[in-house]
Amino acid sequence: HEIDLRCELFQSAAISCESSFVGRCGTEEEEVGVKCAARLLLIENSARSIVAVHELLSRRQPNSDEETKSLLRLCERRNDYTNETNTQNNTPKNKPIDLLFEAGRSVAMARSRYY
């Protein structure tokens, strides 16, 4: 099993960003950590990173409409996301874009509970 060092470094940096802002005095700092982590993962642009963005955003409870809007922007469909395939039967291992859509839906639902 080959380890992708670039992917591992981005994953580690994203976890560090998120965790360094968690538990700070205000929720604005936590928002910065989540957005920074998500952006790092999206830069790495692997299926594993998209799964990590999905997990990160799915557990986030936005504190404002502005935060919700900025998190939803991270989930917009983009053409440059990787779509890794299984070499045995040439089928997608997962659907990264669908996971981003689901993360966006989760963020929107979490904010809708406020109202």
Foldseek 3Di string as FASTA:
>chain_A
DDDDPLLVVLQVVLVVLQVVQPPPPDVVSNLRSLVVSLVSLVVSQALVSLLVNLVSLLPDQDPDPVSLVVLLVSLDDDPPHDQDADPVVRHTPDDSNVSSVNSNVSRVVSPVVVD
